[in-house]
């Protein structure tokens, strides 16, 4: 499977991100604008750099310009899509089958929500896309999924309807199961569930779910 990593300009915990990147011997790394700062700090040279470069330091830009073998895509600052969206679509055009976005979350909630919205590109084009940070793994599905307990990212699993409603929702293997439930917006019933069996199954008809596996800082300390 062709795995691509997009390094965006949000919050990145270096130790976590480096460990994730080390887990994939074969990968393509795309830096999206100020995501270059993380890569420079850790002396990682990506295969591709894209952006309008309005939020990256001059020193970092010059550091990468001295490196050979990088494909550059300079974008117009006045554009309809974000650097992250351009990077996602570029990765897919390059044959990506799975994409992990690091630096796609952080203090800018507009960017966080915008990046969650971009997960829908994967549904449209048949490519697995996830937003990943030290506390969260965020995905979107229109057909359900199976979560294995031994592979889960964190203790909690939250389901948030992206569409107005998600019909005939079944949850099995969770602390709080559901059977033939219609999950609608403006409620929090899908938040903070837990996997209790070897694997948990999410099945439904008609709708789109945002699936968030999460852990708090204390849980991270316990797992490390």
Protein backbone atom coordinates (compact mmCIF):
# COMPACT_ATOMS: atom_id res chain seq x y z
CA UNK A 1 0.00 0.00 0.00
CA UNK A 2 1.37 3.39 -1.01
CA UNK A 3 1.43 5.40 2.23
CA UNK A 4 1.84 9.16 2.05
CA UNK A 5 2.43 11.54 4.94
CA UNK A 6 1.40 15.17 4.74
CA UNK A 7 3.13 17.41 7.26
CA UNK A 8 0.87 20.40 7.84
CA UNK A 9 1.40 23.52 9.90
CA UNK A 10 -0.66 22.73 13.00
CA UNK A 11 0.50 21.40 16.33
CA UNK A 12 3.07 18.60 16.12
CA UNK A 13 4.69 16.84 19.06
CA UNK A 14 8.06 15.98 17.58
CA UNK A 15 8.77 12.75 19.46
CA UNK A 16 5.37 11.31 18.58
CA UNK A 17 5.53 12.30 14.92
CA UNK A 18 9.05 10.98 14.47
CA UNK A 19 8.03 7.62 15.96
CA UNK A 20 5.08 7.43 13.56
CA UNK A 21 7.25 8.22 10.55
CA UNK A 22 9.85 5.63 11.58
CA UNK A 23 7.15 2.97 11.50
CA UNK A 24 6.98 3.13 7.69
CA UNK A 25 10.08 2.17 5.73
CA UNK A 26 8.37 2.94 2.42
CA UNK A 27 6.60 6.28 2.39
CA UNK A 28 6.31 9.58 0.59
CA UNK A 29 6.46 12.76 2.65
CA UNK A 30 4.84 15.99 1.49
CA UNK A 31 5.51 19.19 3.43
CA UNK A 32 2.70 21.72 3.37
CA UNK A 33 4.07 25.22 3.98
CA UNK A 34 4.90 25.73 7.69
CA UNK A 35 4.96 21.96 8.19
CA UNK A 36 8.48 22.48 6.90
CA UNK A 37 9.46 23.79 10.34
CA UNK A 38 8.98 20.38 11.98
CA UNK A 39 10.93 18.68 9.22
CA UNK A 40 13.82 21.12 9.44
CA UNK A 41 13.99 20.78 13.25
CA UNK A 42 14.44 17.06 12.80
CA UNK A 43 16.50 17.21 9.60
CA UNK A 44 13.97 15.26 7.56
CA UNK A 45 13.94 15.99 3.83
CA UNK A 46 10.55 15.43 2.14
CA UNK A 47 10.06 14.31 -1.42
CA UNK A 48 7.65 17.18 -2.11
CA UNK A 49 7.14 20.68 -0.72
CA UNK A 50 4.03 22.72 -1.49
CA UNK A 51 2.71 26.06 -0.31
CA UNK A 52 2.57 29.77 -0.80
CA UNK A 53 5.26 30.00 1.91
CA UNK A 54 3.61 32.86 3.74
CA UNK A 55 3.89 31.16 7.12
CA UNK A 56 7.31 29.54 7.03
CA UNK A 57 10.50 31.25 8.18
CA UNK A 58 13.03 32.54 5.69
CA UNK A 59 15.73 30.42 7.33
CA UNK A 60 13.73 27.21 6.93
CA UNK A 61 12.84 27.99 3.34
CA UNK A 62 16.50 28.62 2.50
CA UNK A 63 17.55 25.40 4.30
CA UNK A 64 15.32 23.28 2.07
CA UNK A 65 16.21 25.20 -1.08
CA UNK A 66 19.76 23.91 -0.64
CA UNK A 67 18.58 20.29 -0.63
CA UNK A 68 18.54 18.27 -3.83
CA UNK A 69 15.80 16.03 -5.17
CA UNK A 70 12.80 17.91 -3.76
CA UNK A 71 9.84 18.59 -6.04
CA UNK A 72 8.46 22.09 -5.35
CA UNK A 73 4.92 23.37 -5.91
CA UNK A 74 4.66 27.10 -5.26
CA UNK A 75 1.03 28.18 -4.80
CA UNK A 76 -0.65 31.52 -5.24
CA UNK A 77 -1.48 33.01 -1.80
CA UNK A 78 -4.91 34.02 -3.15
CA UNK A 79 -6.41 30.59 -3.84
CA UNK A 80 -9.62 28.70 -3.14
CA UNK A 81 -8.11 25.67 -1.40
CA UNK A 82 -5.80 25.40 1.60
CA UNK A 83 -2.24 24.10 1.38
CA UNK A 84 -3.43 20.90 3.08
CA UNK A 85 -6.17 20.32 0.52
CA UNK A 86 -3.74 20.87 -2.33
CA UNK A 87 -1.34 18.41 -0.70
CA UNK A 88 -4.08 15.79 -0.29
CA UNK A 89 -5.19 16.02 -3.90
CA UNK A 90 -1.58 15.98 -5.08
CA UNK A 91 -0.86 12.86 -3.02
CA UNK A 92 -3.87 11.11 -4.54
CA UNK A 93 -2.77 12.10 -8.04
CA UNK A 94 0.62 10.52 -7.22
CA UNK A 95 -1.03 7.21 -6.41
CA UNK A 96 -1.52 7.41 -2.66
CA UNK A 97 -3.68 4.64 -1.23
CA UNK A 98 -3.42 5.76 2.40
CA UNK A 99 -2.65 9.26 3.70
CA UNK A 100 -1.75 10.33 7.22
CA UNK A 101 -1.89 14.04 8.00
CA UNK A 102 0.39 15.17 10.83
CA UNK A 103 -0.01 18.77 11.98
CA UNK A 104 -3.64 18.87 10.90
CA UNK A 105 -4.90 19.80 14.37
CA UNK A 106 -4.01 22.52 16.86
CA UNK A 107 -5.27 25.76 18.34
CA UNK A 108 -6.87 27.06 15.12
CA UNK A 109 -10.30 25.43 15.28
CA UNK A 110 -11.20 26.74 11.82
CA UNK A 111 -8.29 24.79 10.39
CA UNK A 112 -9.15 21.71 12.46
CA UNK A 113 -12.75 21.67 11.27
CA UNK A 114 -11.64 22.43 7.73
CA UNK A 115 -9.21 19.50 7.80
CA UNK A 116 -11.89 17.14 9.16
CA UNK A 117 -14.03 18.27 6.22
CA UNK A 118 -11.21 17.25 3.87
CA UNK A 119 -11.48 13.64 5.03
CA UNK A 120 -14.46 13.43 2.71
CA UNK A 121 -12.06 13.60 -0.25
CA UNK A 122 -10.98 10.12 0.73
CA UNK A 123 -14.56 8.86 0.68
CA UNK A 124 -15.12 10.33 -2.77
CA UNK A 125 -11.93 8.93 -4.28
CA UNK A 126 -11.50 5.67 -2.36
CA UNK A 127 -8.38 6.65 -0.42
CA UNK A 128 -7.89 6.14 3.31
CA UNK A 129 -7.17 9.47 5.01
CA UNK A 130 -6.57 10.09 8.71
CA UNK A 131 -5.70 13.10 10.85
CA UNK A 132 -3.24 12.05 13.52
CA UNK A 133 -1.75 13.77 16.55
CA UNK A 134 -0.44 12.60 19.90
CA UNK A 135 -3.95 12.43 21.36
CA UNK A 136 -6.28 11.73 18.44
CA UNK A 137 -6.82 9.65 15.35
CA UNK A 138 -9.65 11.07 13.24
CA UNK A 139 -11.26 9.30 10.30
CA UNK A 140 -14.47 9.49 8.30
CA UNK A 141 -16.54 6.55 7.04
CA UNK A 142 -19.65 5.99 4.97
CA UNK A 143 -19.80 2.22 5.41
CA UNK A 144 -18.73 1.41 8.99
CA UNK A 145 -15.53 -0.17 10.27
CA UNK A 146 -14.00 -2.76 12.58
CA UNK A 147 -11.70 -1.62 15.40
CA UNK A 148 -9.40 -4.23 16.93
CA UNK A 149 -8.68 -3.64 20.61
CA UNK A 150 -5.01 -4.51 20.25
CA UNK A 151 -4.65 -1.93 17.48
CA UNK A 152 -6.79 0.88 18.88
CA UNK A 153 -5.16 4.29 19.07
CA UNK A 154 -6.53 5.32 22.45
CA UNK A 155 -8.94 4.36 25.19
CA UNK A 156 -11.95 6.25 23.84
CA UNK A 157 -13.93 6.00 20.62
CA UNK A 158 -16.32 8.80 19.70
CA UNK A 159 -18.80 8.79 16.84
CA UNK A 160 -20.08 12.09 15.50
CA UNK A 161 -22.60 12.24 12.65
CA UNK A 162 -21.29 14.25 9.74
CA UNK A 163 -24.58 14.04 7.88
CA UNK A 164 -27.89 15.12 9.40
CA UNK A 165 -28.43 11.56 10.57
CA UNK A 166 -26.85 8.12 10.41
CA UNK A 167 -29.49 5.43 10.10
CA UNK A 168 -29.68 1.85 11.42
CA UNK A 169 -26.50 2.24 13.50
CA UNK A 170 -25.26 -0.87 15.30
CA UNK A 171 -22.37 -0.89 17.77
CA UNK A 172 -21.04 -4.26 18.95
CA UNK A 173 -18.07 -4.93 21.20
CA UNK A 174 -18.39 -1.55 22.91
CA UNK A 175 -19.11 -0.64 26.53
CA UNK A 176 -22.20 1.18 25.28
CA UNK A 177 -23.75 -0.84 22.42
CA UNK A 178 -26.45 0.39 20.09
CA UNK A 179 -28.94 -1.52 17.96
CA UNK A 180 -30.76 -0.05 14.97
CA UNK A 181 -30.26 3.48 16.27
CA UNK A 182 -30.75 6.66 14.29
CA UNK A 183 -27.87 8.94 15.30
CA UNK A 184 -28.70 12.59 14.74
CA UNK A 185 -26.92 15.85 15.34
CA UNK A 186 -27.25 18.15 18.35
CA UNK A 187 -26.58 15.38 20.89
CA UNK A 188 -23.53 13.74 22.47
CA UNK A 189 -24.63 10.11 22.75
CA UNK A 190 -21.75 8.95 20.53
CA UNK A 191 -18.98 10.52 22.61
CA UNK A 192 -16.45 8.60 24.75
CA UNK A 193 -17.36 4.98 24.16
CA UNK A 194 -14.87 2.19 24.91
CA UNK A 195 -13.94 -1.10 23.26
CA UNK A 196 -14.60 -4.05 25.58
CA UNK A 197 -14.19 -7.06 23.25
CA UNK A 198 -11.30 -8.22 21.08
CA UNK A 199 -12.81 -6.17 18.30
CA UNK A 200 -15.62 -3.67 17.99
CA UNK A 201 -17.85 -3.29 14.96
CA UNK A 202 -19.55 -0.17 13.66
CA UNK A 203 -22.20 -0.77 11.01
CA UNK A 204 -24.87 1.53 9.63
CA UNK A 205 -26.84 2.52 6.57
CA UNK A 206 -27.27 5.91 4.94
CA UNK A 207 -24.98 8.53 6.37
CA UNK A 208 -21.42 9.51 7.18
CA UNK A 209 -19.68 9.20 10.54
CA UNK A 210 -16.63 10.93 11.95
CA UNK A 211 -14.74 8.37 14.04
CA UNK A 212 -12.33 9.71 16.65
CA UNK A 213 -10.06 7.45 18.69
CA UNK A 214 -8.59 9.50 21.51
CA UNK A 215 -6.51 9.43 24.64
CA UNK A 216 -5.68 12.11 27.16
CA UNK A 217 -2.18 13.00 28.31
CA UNK A 218 -2.36 10.82 31.40
CA UNK A 219 -3.37 7.82 29.29
CA UNK A 220 -0.41 8.50 26.99
CA UNK A 221 1.94 8.46 29.96
CA UNK A 222 0.50 5.14 31.12
CA UNK A 223 0.94 3.59 27.67
CA UNK A 224 4.49 4.76 27.13
